[in-house]
N, C-alpha and C. Protein backbone atom coordinates (compact mmCIF):
# COMPACT_ATOMS: atom_id res chain seq x y z
N MET A 1 0.84 -0.94 -0.05
CA MET A 1 0.20 -0.24 -0.09
C MET A 1 1.08 1.32 -0.23
N SER A 2 0.37 2.21 -0.71
CA SER A 2 1.38 3.19 -0.80
C SER A 2 0.92 4.16 0.22
N ALA A 3 1.85 5.07 0.47
CA ALA A 3 2.09 6.07 2.06
C ALA A 3 1.19 6.99 1.24
N LEU A 4 0.65 7.94 1.71
CA LEU A 4 0.20 9.27 0.94
C LEU A 4 1.45 10.50 0.94
N ILE A 5 1.30 11.20 -0.30
CA ILE A 5 2.62 12.06 -0.25
C ILE A 5 2.91 13.04 1.19
N SER A 6 4.06 13.44 1.33
CA SER A 6 4.06 14.06 2.64
C SER A 6 4.11 15.38 2.22
N PRO A 7 3.15 16.20 2.74
CA PRO A 7 2.90 17.78 2.33
C PRO A 7 4.09 18.54 2.32
N GLY A 8 5.56 18.07 2.84
CA GLY A 8 6.76 18.95 3.23
C GLY A 8 7.29 18.78 1.74
N ARG A 9 6.73 17.71 1.25
CA ARG A 9 7.65 17.28 -0.02
C ARG A 9 7.05 17.99 -1.51
N ALA A 10 5.61 18.20 -1.29
CA ALA A 10 4.48 18.46 -2.58
C ALA A 10 4.13 19.90 -2.22
N SER A 11 4.33 20.54 -3.24
CA SER A 11 4.27 21.95 -3.28
C SER A 11 3.05 22.65 -4.64
N LEU A 12 2.61 23.30 -4.41
CA LEU A 12 1.35 23.80 -5.64
C LEU A 12 1.94 25.36 -5.81
N ARG A 13 2.04 25.42 -6.97
CA ARG A 13 2.10 27.20 -7.62
C ARG A 13 1.38 27.26 -8.90
N ALA A 14 1.63 28.24 -9.31
CA ALA A 14 1.17 28.55 -10.59
C ALA A 14 1.55 28.13 -11.95
N LEU A 15 1.10 27.26 -12.24
CA LEU A 15 1.16 26.92 -13.87
C LEU A 15 1.69 28.01 -15.03
N ARG A 16 3.31 27.76 -15.51
CA ARG A 16 4.05 28.84 -16.00
C ARG A 16 3.98 28.15 -17.11
N GLU A 17 4.52 28.88 -18.75
CA GLU A 17 4.87 28.41 -19.80
C GLU A 17 5.84 27.90 -19.56
N SER A 18 6.93 28.38 -18.74
CA SER A 18 8.49 27.46 -18.75
C SER A 18 8.37 26.06 -18.30
N ASP A 19 7.00 25.72 -17.76
CA ASP A 19 6.68 24.13 -17.27
C ASP A 19 6.12 23.40 -18.68
N LEU A 20 6.10 24.09 -19.70
CA LEU A 20 5.54 23.40 -20.88
C LEU A 20 6.08 22.04 -21.40
N ASN A 21 7.58 21.97 -21.38
CA ASN A 21 7.92 20.82 -21.76
C ASN A 21 8.10 19.22 -20.82
N ALA A 22 7.77 20.00 -19.51
CA ALA A 22 7.71 19.02 -18.16
C ALA A 22 6.00 18.35 -18.54
N VAL A 23 5.09 19.62 -18.96
CA VAL A 23 3.59 19.21 -18.79
C VAL A 23 3.42 18.17 -19.90
N MET A 24 4.21 18.43 -21.05
CA MET A 24 3.99 17.68 -22.44
C MET A 24 4.56 16.36 -22.06
N ALA A 25 5.88 16.27 -21.41
CA ALA A 25 6.22 14.72 -21.37
C ALA A 25 4.91 14.26 -20.20
N ILE A 26 4.57 14.55 -19.41
CA ILE A 26 3.55 14.06 -18.83
C ILE A 26 2.27 13.97 -19.25
N GLU A 27 1.84 15.04 -20.29
CA GLU A 27 0.81 14.45 -21.17
C GLU A 27 0.92 13.49 -21.93
N VAL A 28 1.91 13.40 -22.68
CA VAL A 28 1.69 11.98 -23.67
C VAL A 28 2.05 10.66 -22.94
N ARG A 29 2.31 10.86 -21.60
CA ARG A 29 2.39 9.56 -21.34
C ARG A 29 1.07 9.05 -20.30
N GLY A 30 0.20 10.16 -20.17
CA GLY A 30 -1.05 10.13 -19.28
C GLY A 30 -2.14 9.80 -20.47
N TYR A 31 -2.12 10.28 -21.79
CA TYR A 31 -3.21 10.24 -22.29
C TYR A 31 -2.92 9.78 -23.99
N PRO A 32 -3.90 8.79 -24.12
CA PRO A 32 -3.79 8.65 -25.49
C PRO A 32 -4.05 9.38 -26.96
N TYR A 33 -4.90 10.75 -26.47
CA TYR A 33 -4.88 11.60 -27.37
C TYR A 33 -4.95 12.68 -26.45
N PRO A 34 -3.26 13.01 -26.37
CA PRO A 34 -2.63 14.38 -25.41
C PRO A 34 -3.46 15.41 -26.08
N TRP A 35 -3.31 16.89 -25.39
CA TRP A 35 -3.53 18.10 -25.94
C TRP A 35 -2.21 18.67 -26.52
N THR A 36 -1.94 19.11 -27.43
CA THR A 36 -0.85 19.83 -28.10
C THR A 36 -0.60 20.97 -27.03
N ARG A 37 1.10 21.16 -27.32
CA ARG A 37 1.83 21.88 -26.54
C ARG A 37 0.97 23.65 -26.78
N GLY A 38 0.36 23.95 -27.99
CA GLY A 38 -0.47 24.91 -28.69
C GLY A 38 -1.59 25.11 -27.62
N ILE A 39 -2.48 24.10 -27.73
CA ILE A 39 -3.63 24.46 -26.51
C ILE A 39 -3.23 24.84 -25.22
N PHE A 40 -2.02 24.02 -24.43
CA PHE A 40 -1.59 24.61 -23.23
C PHE A 40 -1.16 26.03 -23.67
N LEU A 41 -0.57 26.58 -24.17
CA LEU A 41 0.21 27.66 -24.27
C LEU A 41 -1.14 28.72 -24.46
N ASP A 42 -2.09 28.35 -25.54
CA ASP A 42 -3.34 29.34 -25.77
C ASP A 42 -4.17 29.72 -24.11
N CYS A 43 -3.92 28.51 -23.21
CA CYS A 43 -4.58 28.79 -22.40
C CYS A 43 -3.91 29.42 -21.20
N LEU A 44 -2.85 29.28 -21.06
CA LEU A 44 -1.76 30.15 -20.49
C LEU A 44 -1.83 31.76 -20.61
N ARG A 45 -1.85 31.66 -21.93
CA ARG A 45 -1.51 33.09 -22.80
C ARG A 45 -3.23 33.97 -22.29
N ALA A 46 -4.24 33.16 -22.43
CA ALA A 46 -5.31 33.92 -22.01
C ALA A 46 -5.84 33.90 -20.81
N GLY A 47 -4.83 33.73 -19.90
CA GLY A 47 -5.09 33.73 -18.59
C GLY A 47 -5.73 33.08 -17.52
N TYR A 48 -6.17 31.46 -18.24
CA TYR A 48 -6.67 30.82 -17.44
C TYR A 48 -5.92 30.41 -16.26
N PRO A 49 -6.40 30.14 -15.22
CA PRO A 49 -5.41 29.46 -13.97
C PRO A 49 -5.22 28.29 -14.21
N GLY A 50 -3.77 28.09 -13.73
CA GLY A 50 -3.57 26.47 -13.54
C GLY A 50 -2.72 26.42 -12.52
N LEU A 51 -2.49 25.16 -12.19
CA LEU A 51 -1.94 24.87 -10.92
C LEU A 51 -0.37 23.61 -11.32
N ALA A 52 0.70 23.94 -10.73
CA ALA A 52 1.75 22.98 -10.97
C ALA A 52 1.94 22.06 -9.85
N LEU A 53 1.82 20.80 -9.56
CA LEU A 53 2.17 20.34 -8.42
C LEU A 53 3.76 19.59 -8.64
N GLU A 54 4.32 19.79 -7.81
CA GLU A 54 5.81 19.45 -7.64
C GLU A 54 6.23 18.67 -6.55
N GLU A 55 7.14 17.82 -6.50
CA GLU A 55 7.87 17.28 -5.76
C GLU A 55 9.23 17.30 -5.59
N ASP A 56 10.08 17.53 -4.94
CA ASP A 56 11.62 17.97 -4.91
C ASP A 56 12.20 18.47 -6.04
N GLY A 57 11.28 19.72 -6.21
CA GLY A 57 11.51 20.26 -7.63
C GLY A 57 11.00 19.85 -9.19
N LEU A 58 10.43 18.55 -9.22
CA LEU A 58 10.06 17.89 -10.46
C LEU A 58 8.31 18.03 -10.35
N LEU A 59 8.28 18.42 -11.86
CA LEU A 59 7.12 18.58 -12.16
C LEU A 59 6.31 17.37 -12.02
N MET A 60 5.27 16.84 -10.82
CA MET A 60 4.21 15.76 -11.02
C MET A 60 3.05 15.74 -11.78
N GLY A 61 2.57 16.96 -11.44
CA GLY A 61 0.86 17.19 -12.04
C GLY A 61 0.91 18.22 -12.50
N TYR A 62 -0.16 18.52 -13.15
CA TYR A 62 -1.05 20.02 -13.32
C TYR A 62 -2.64 20.02 -13.73
N ALA A 63 -3.14 21.44 -13.76
CA ALA A 63 -4.40 21.53 -13.94
C ALA A 63 -4.73 22.85 -14.35
N LEU A 64 -5.76 23.12 -15.12
CA LEU A 64 -5.79 24.42 -15.92
C LEU A 64 -7.53 24.10 -15.81
N LEU A 65 -7.82 25.23 -15.49
CA LEU A 65 -9.27 25.84 -15.08
C LEU A 65 -9.81 26.92 -16.27
N SER A 66 -11.01 26.99 -16.66
CA SER A 66 -11.68 28.52 -17.21
C SER A 66 -12.84 29.04 -16.54
N ILE A 67 -12.82 30.20 -16.07
CA ILE A 67 -13.46 30.33 -15.45
C ILE A 67 -14.54 31.95 -16.07
N ALA A 68 -15.74 31.49 -15.67
CA ALA A 68 -16.48 32.63 -16.47
C ALA A 68 -17.81 32.87 -15.16
N ALA A 69 -17.99 33.96 -15.10
CA ALA A 69 -18.88 34.64 -13.99
C ALA A 69 -18.71 33.31 -12.67
N ASP A 70 -19.68 32.77 -12.19
CA ASP A 70 -19.50 32.21 -11.12
C ASP A 70 -19.38 30.50 -11.32
N GLU A 71 -18.79 30.02 -12.45
CA GLU A 71 -18.52 28.85 -12.76
C GLU A 71 -17.51 28.37 -13.18
N ALA A 72 -16.99 27.71 -13.36
CA ALA A 72 -15.78 27.23 -13.79
C ALA A 72 -15.58 25.77 -14.39
N HIS A 73 -14.66 25.34 -15.32
CA HIS A 73 -14.52 24.76 -16.00
C HIS A 73 -13.19 23.86 -15.91
N LEU A 74 -13.28 22.51 -15.72
CA LEU A 74 -11.66 21.82 -15.21
C LEU A 74 -11.26 21.47 -16.37
N LEU A 75 -10.47 22.04 -17.12
CA LEU A 75 -10.13 21.71 -18.50
C LEU A 75 -9.28 20.61 -18.54
N ASN A 76 -8.37 20.67 -17.82
CA ASN A 76 -7.43 19.47 -17.71
C ASN A 76 -6.29 19.28 -16.18
N ILE A 77 -6.65 17.99 -15.85
CA ILE A 77 -5.84 17.87 -14.92
C ILE A 77 -5.11 16.48 -14.69
N CYS A 78 -3.93 16.44 -14.47
CA CYS A 78 -3.30 15.19 -15.05
C CYS A 78 -2.04 14.99 -13.54
N VAL A 79 -1.81 13.75 -13.23
CA VAL A 79 -0.63 13.27 -12.66
C VAL A 79 0.14 12.19 -13.26
N ASP A 80 1.33 12.59 -13.31
CA ASP A 80 2.30 11.81 -14.02
C ASP A 80 1.90 10.17 -13.77
N PRO A 81 1.55 9.77 -14.82
CA PRO A 81 1.37 7.94 -14.40
C PRO A 81 2.50 7.32 -13.69
N LEU A 82 3.61 7.84 -13.92
CA LEU A 82 4.74 6.89 -13.07
C LEU A 82 4.69 7.52 -11.79
N SER A 83 3.67 8.55 -11.45
CA SER A 83 3.58 8.62 -10.04
C SER A 83 2.28 8.88 -9.16
N GLN A 84 1.37 8.30 -9.59
CA GLN A 84 -0.16 8.30 -9.50
C GLN A 84 -0.09 7.47 -8.30
N THR A 85 0.14 7.44 -7.23
CA THR A 85 -0.04 6.94 -5.88
C THR A 85 0.10 8.26 -4.81
N GLY A 86 -0.51 7.67 -3.63
CA GLY A 86 -0.14 8.52 -2.65
C GLY A 86 -1.05 9.66 -2.76
N GLY A 87 -1.91 10.09 -3.35
CA GLY A 87 -3.05 10.96 -3.08
C GLY A 87 -2.57 12.22 -3.78
N ARG A 88 -1.84 12.33 -4.97
CA ARG A 88 -1.20 13.66 -5.58
C ARG A 88 -2.87 13.73 -6.34
N GLY A 89 -3.30 13.16 -7.16
CA GLY A 89 -4.64 13.43 -7.70
C GLY A 89 -5.29 14.34 -7.03
N ARG A 90 -5.91 13.85 -5.73
CA ARG A 90 -6.54 14.28 -4.60
C ARG A 90 -6.20 16.03 -4.31
N LEU A 91 -4.74 15.92 -4.07
CA LEU A 91 -3.88 16.85 -3.64
C LEU A 91 -4.52 17.98 -5.13
N LEU A 92 -4.13 17.47 -6.11
CA LEU A 92 -4.17 18.72 -7.00
C LEU A 92 -5.69 18.83 -7.33
N LEU A 93 -6.80 17.75 -7.13
CA LEU A 93 -8.11 18.19 -7.39
C LEU A 93 -8.84 18.94 -6.64
N ARG A 94 -8.18 18.92 -5.33
CA ARG A 94 -8.69 20.06 -3.92
C ARG A 94 -8.17 21.13 -4.52
N ALA A 95 -6.57 21.21 -4.43
CA ALA A 95 -6.03 22.39 -4.66
C ALA A 95 -6.89 23.55 -6.06
N ILE A 96 -6.95 22.77 -6.87
CA ILE A 96 -7.93 23.59 -8.01
C ILE A 96 -8.92 24.18 -7.82
N VAL A 97 -9.84 23.23 -7.33
CA VAL A 97 -11.03 23.45 -6.69
C VAL A 97 -10.95 24.68 -5.70
N GLY A 98 -10.40 24.25 -5.19
CA GLY A 98 -9.99 25.56 -3.82
C GLY A 98 -9.27 27.02 -4.38
N LEU A 99 -8.98 26.93 -5.74
CA LEU A 99 -8.57 28.35 -6.09
C LEU A 99 -9.88 28.65 -6.84
N ALA A 100 -10.49 27.94 -7.44
CA ALA A 100 -11.87 28.23 -7.98
C ALA A 100 -12.77 29.14 -7.21
N ARG A 101 -13.12 28.08 -5.99
CA ARG A 101 -13.62 28.75 -4.97
C ARG A 101 -13.39 30.02 -4.65
N ASP A 102 -11.94 30.32 -4.30
CA ASP A 102 -11.49 31.65 -3.89
C ASP A 102 -11.67 32.95 -5.00
N ARG A 103 -12.02 32.04 -6.24
CA ARG A 103 -12.15 33.44 -7.10
C ARG A 103 -13.97 33.55 -7.38
N GLY A 104 -14.49 32.87 -6.45
CA GLY A 104 -15.98 33.44 -6.65
C GLY A 104 -16.73 32.48 -7.03
N VAL A 105 -16.15 31.00 -7.47
CA VAL A 105 -16.79 30.29 -8.36
C VAL A 105 -17.77 29.56 -7.77
N ARG A 106 -19.14 28.73 -7.73
CA ARG A 106 -20.34 28.56 -7.30
C ARG A 106 -19.85 26.95 -7.61
N ARG A 107 -19.67 26.40 -8.80
CA ARG A 107 -19.82 25.27 -9.48
C ARG A 107 -18.84 25.10 -10.63
N VAL A 108 -17.98 23.75 -10.25
CA VAL A 108 -17.16 23.45 -10.75
C VAL A 108 -17.10 22.32 -12.15
N PHE A 109 -17.12 22.41 -13.33
CA PHE A 109 -17.77 21.08 -14.28
C PHE A 109 -16.21 20.68 -14.85
N LEU A 110 -16.65 19.46 -15.13
CA LEU A 110 -15.73 18.82 -16.02
C LEU A 110 -16.00 17.57 -16.64
N GLU A 111 -15.41 17.13 -17.97
CA GLU A 111 -15.65 15.77 -18.71
C GLU A 111 -14.72 14.80 -18.39
N VAL A 112 -15.02 13.65 -18.15
CA VAL A 112 -14.47 12.12 -18.01
C VAL A 112 -14.81 11.32 -18.53
N ARG A 113 -13.34 10.28 -18.80
CA ARG A 113 -13.79 9.30 -20.12
C ARG A 113 -15.00 8.13 -19.20
N PRO A 114 -15.90 7.76 -19.58
CA PRO A 114 -16.65 6.78 -18.62
C PRO A 114 -15.74 5.66 -18.21
N SER A 115 -14.73 5.18 -19.21
CA SER A 115 -13.52 4.02 -18.95
C SER A 115 -12.44 4.57 -17.90
N ASN A 116 -12.68 5.71 -17.29
CA ASN A 116 -11.59 6.19 -16.83
C ASN A 116 -11.84 6.08 -15.44
N ALA A 117 -12.12 4.69 -14.93
CA ALA A 117 -12.32 4.22 -13.62
C ALA A 117 -11.73 4.70 -12.52
N PRO A 118 -10.28 4.85 -12.40
CA PRO A 118 -9.70 5.79 -11.49
C PRO A 118 -10.11 7.11 -11.21
N ALA A 119 -10.33 7.90 -12.27
CA ALA A 119 -10.66 9.28 -11.98
C ALA A 119 -11.99 9.37 -11.61
N LEU A 120 -12.88 8.44 -12.75
CA LEU A 120 -14.29 8.51 -11.71
C LEU A 120 -14.46 8.34 -10.42
N ALA A 121 -13.89 7.54 -9.59
CA ALA A 121 -14.07 7.30 -8.19
C ALA A 121 -13.31 8.20 -7.47
N LEU A 122 -12.30 9.16 -8.00
CA LEU A 122 -11.60 10.07 -7.33
C LEU A 122 -12.96 11.20 -7.38
N TYR A 123 -13.29 11.67 -8.74
CA TYR A 123 -14.33 12.68 -8.83
C TYR A 123 -15.40 12.46 -7.86
N HIS A 124 -16.08 11.19 -7.64
CA HIS A 124 -17.53 10.76 -6.83
C HIS A 124 -16.72 11.01 -5.47
N SER A 125 -15.76 10.55 -5.14
CA SER A 125 -15.24 10.42 -3.90
C SER A 125 -15.11 12.02 -3.19
N GLU A 126 -15.22 13.23 -3.95
CA GLU A 126 -14.70 14.40 -3.92
C GLU A 126 -16.18 15.48 -3.69
N GLY A 127 -16.97 14.60 -4.29
CA GLY A 127 -18.40 15.06 -4.18
C GLY A 127 -18.98 15.55 -5.18
N PHE A 128 -18.06 15.27 -6.52
CA PHE A 128 -18.41 15.58 -7.92
C PHE A 128 -19.67 14.43 -8.27
N ASN A 129 -20.89 15.19 -9.04
CA ASN A 129 -21.93 14.47 -9.36
C ASN A 129 -22.04 14.11 -10.77
N GLU A 130 -22.55 12.98 -11.36
CA GLU A 130 -22.70 13.36 -12.88
C GLU A 130 -23.82 13.80 -13.28
N ILE A 131 -23.74 14.89 -14.32
CA ILE A 131 -24.93 15.75 -14.39
C ILE A 131 -25.20 15.40 -16.07
N GLY A 132 -24.64 14.76 -16.63
CA GLY A 132 -25.10 14.52 -18.21
C GLY A 132 -24.17 13.85 -18.95
N ARG A 133 -23.99 13.28 -20.39
CA ARG A 133 -23.20 13.04 -21.04
C ARG A 133 -23.17 14.00 -22.34
N ARG A 134 -21.91 13.72 -23.15
CA ARG A 134 -21.77 14.18 -24.09
C ARG A 134 -21.59 12.96 -25.35
N PRO A 135 -22.18 12.93 -25.97
CA PRO A 135 -21.68 11.97 -26.90
C PRO A 135 -20.55 11.52 -27.70
N ARG A 136 -19.78 11.07 -28.35
CA ARG A 136 -18.75 11.06 -28.94
C ARG A 136 -17.82 11.94 -28.77
N TYR A 137 -17.74 12.21 -27.61
CA TYR A 137 -16.93 13.66 -27.24
C TYR A 137 -15.09 13.29 -27.40
N TYR A 138 -14.85 12.16 -26.89
CA TYR A 138 -13.30 12.12 -27.14
C TYR A 138 -12.86 11.04 -28.30
N PRO A 139 -11.70 11.24 -28.77
CA PRO A 139 -11.19 10.37 -29.60
C PRO A 139 -11.06 9.29 -29.13
N ALA A 140 -11.20 7.99 -29.84
CA ALA A 140 -10.95 6.49 -29.01
C ALA A 140 -10.44 5.70 -30.05
N ALA A 141 -9.75 4.37 -29.83
CA ALA A 141 -8.93 3.48 -30.73
C ALA A 141 -10.08 2.91 -31.72
N GLU A 142 -11.45 3.17 -31.44
CA GLU A 142 -12.13 2.63 -32.14
C GLU A 142 -13.30 3.55 -32.36
N GLY A 143 -13.01 4.69 -33.21
CA GLY A 143 -14.06 5.72 -33.13
C GLY A 143 -13.70 6.80 -32.18
N ARG A 144 -15.14 6.68 -31.32
CA ARG A 144 -15.17 8.02 -30.47
C ARG A 144 -15.84 7.84 -28.93
N GLU A 145 -15.66 8.25 -27.91
CA GLU A 145 -15.78 7.69 -26.60
C GLU A 145 -16.90 9.31 -26.04
N ASP A 146 -17.95 8.79 -25.53
CA ASP A 146 -18.79 9.44 -24.78
C ASP A 146 -17.92 10.33 -23.74
N ALA A 147 -18.33 11.57 -22.96
CA ALA A 147 -17.87 11.58 -21.89
C ALA A 147 -18.58 11.90 -20.96
N LEU A 148 -18.62 11.96 -19.77
CA LEU A 148 -19.40 12.33 -18.53
C LEU A 148 -18.94 13.71 -18.10
N VAL A 149 -20.27 14.08 -17.89
CA VAL A 149 -19.84 15.50 -17.54
C VAL A 149 -20.46 15.50 -15.88
N MET A 150 -19.64 16.27 -15.16
CA MET A 150 -19.54 15.89 -13.69
C MET A 150 -19.29 17.28 -13.19
N ALA A 151 -20.26 17.75 -12.27
CA ALA A 151 -19.86 18.90 -11.49
C ALA A 151 -19.67 18.70 -9.99
N ILE A 152 -19.70 19.83 -9.39
CA ILE A 152 -19.40 20.00 -7.83
C ILE A 152 -20.06 21.54 -7.68
N GLU A 153 -21.13 21.39 -6.53
CA GLU A 153 -21.48 22.96 -6.05
C GLU A 153 -20.19 23.23 -4.68
N ILE A 154 -19.71 24.41 -4.99
CA ILE A 154 -19.10 24.80 -3.93
C ILE A 154 -19.89 25.61 -2.85
N VAL A 155 -20.21 25.14 -1.85
CA VAL A 155 -21.09 25.68 -0.60
C VAL A 155 -20.16 26.06 0.30
N ALA A 156 -20.00 27.68 0.57
CA ALA A 156 -19.36 27.87 2.12
C ALA A 156 -18.09 27.20 2.13
N ASP A 157 -17.62 26.48 2.90
CA ASP A 157 -16.44 26.06 3.60
C ASP A 157 -16.03 24.81 3.14
N ASP A 158 -17.07 24.18 2.22
CA ASP A 158 -16.81 22.32 1.82
C ASP A 158 -15.49 22.09 1.89
N ILE A 159 -14.90 22.77 0.98
CA ILE A 159 -13.36 22.10 0.88
C ILE A 159 -12.67 21.95 1.96
N ASP A 160 -12.51 23.20 2.90
CA ASP A 160 -12.05 22.90 4.11
C ASP A 160 -12.53 21.76 5.07
N THR A 161 -13.74 21.46 4.69
CA THR A 161 -14.33 20.17 5.71
C THR A 161 -14.25 18.74 5.27
N MET A 162 -13.44 18.89 4.06
CA MET A 162 -13.22 17.72 3.41
C MET A 162 -12.55 16.62 4.47
N PRO A 163 -12.61 15.58 4.01
CA PRO A 163 -11.56 14.76 4.83
C PRO A 163 -10.15 14.58 4.37
N PRO A 164 -9.40 14.96 5.77
CA PRO A 164 -7.85 14.65 5.27
C PRO A 164 -7.38 13.83 4.15
N LEU A 165 -6.22 14.09 3.62
CA LEU A 165 -5.74 13.47 2.46
C LEU A 165 -5.04 11.99 3.33
């Protein structure tokens, strides 16, 4: 059984353009149909908030949001597949939802592949609920795969009262 990450070793900071080489290395390991560098660059240049998760000076994961009015869309969240243990994804998810809350967001949406059981389990355990489906949203080896649309309502200090990592 993996131990949870040590809070002293993990740190979170704003995602920067200078992170994109490391981001792309993780992205291609993490997804069969990764985002392009240009998509990340466009998001950062448009001012979309993003977080970088580092351990011992190495980028281990990242997340990007778009925010409009009091709603946010989690565009991309990924922890390096070589390091997907110990609560890193949960830490990053809670941090990006917390960043959204701090910016006045009341609701966060995301899409996830129905075949991504670990991500679905994480999102459900953190309070996200399935609210819809986008047919044929993702490219897949044999055509297209639907996306499950999930959302969480941010109410008062819910994030602060979540169980510890």
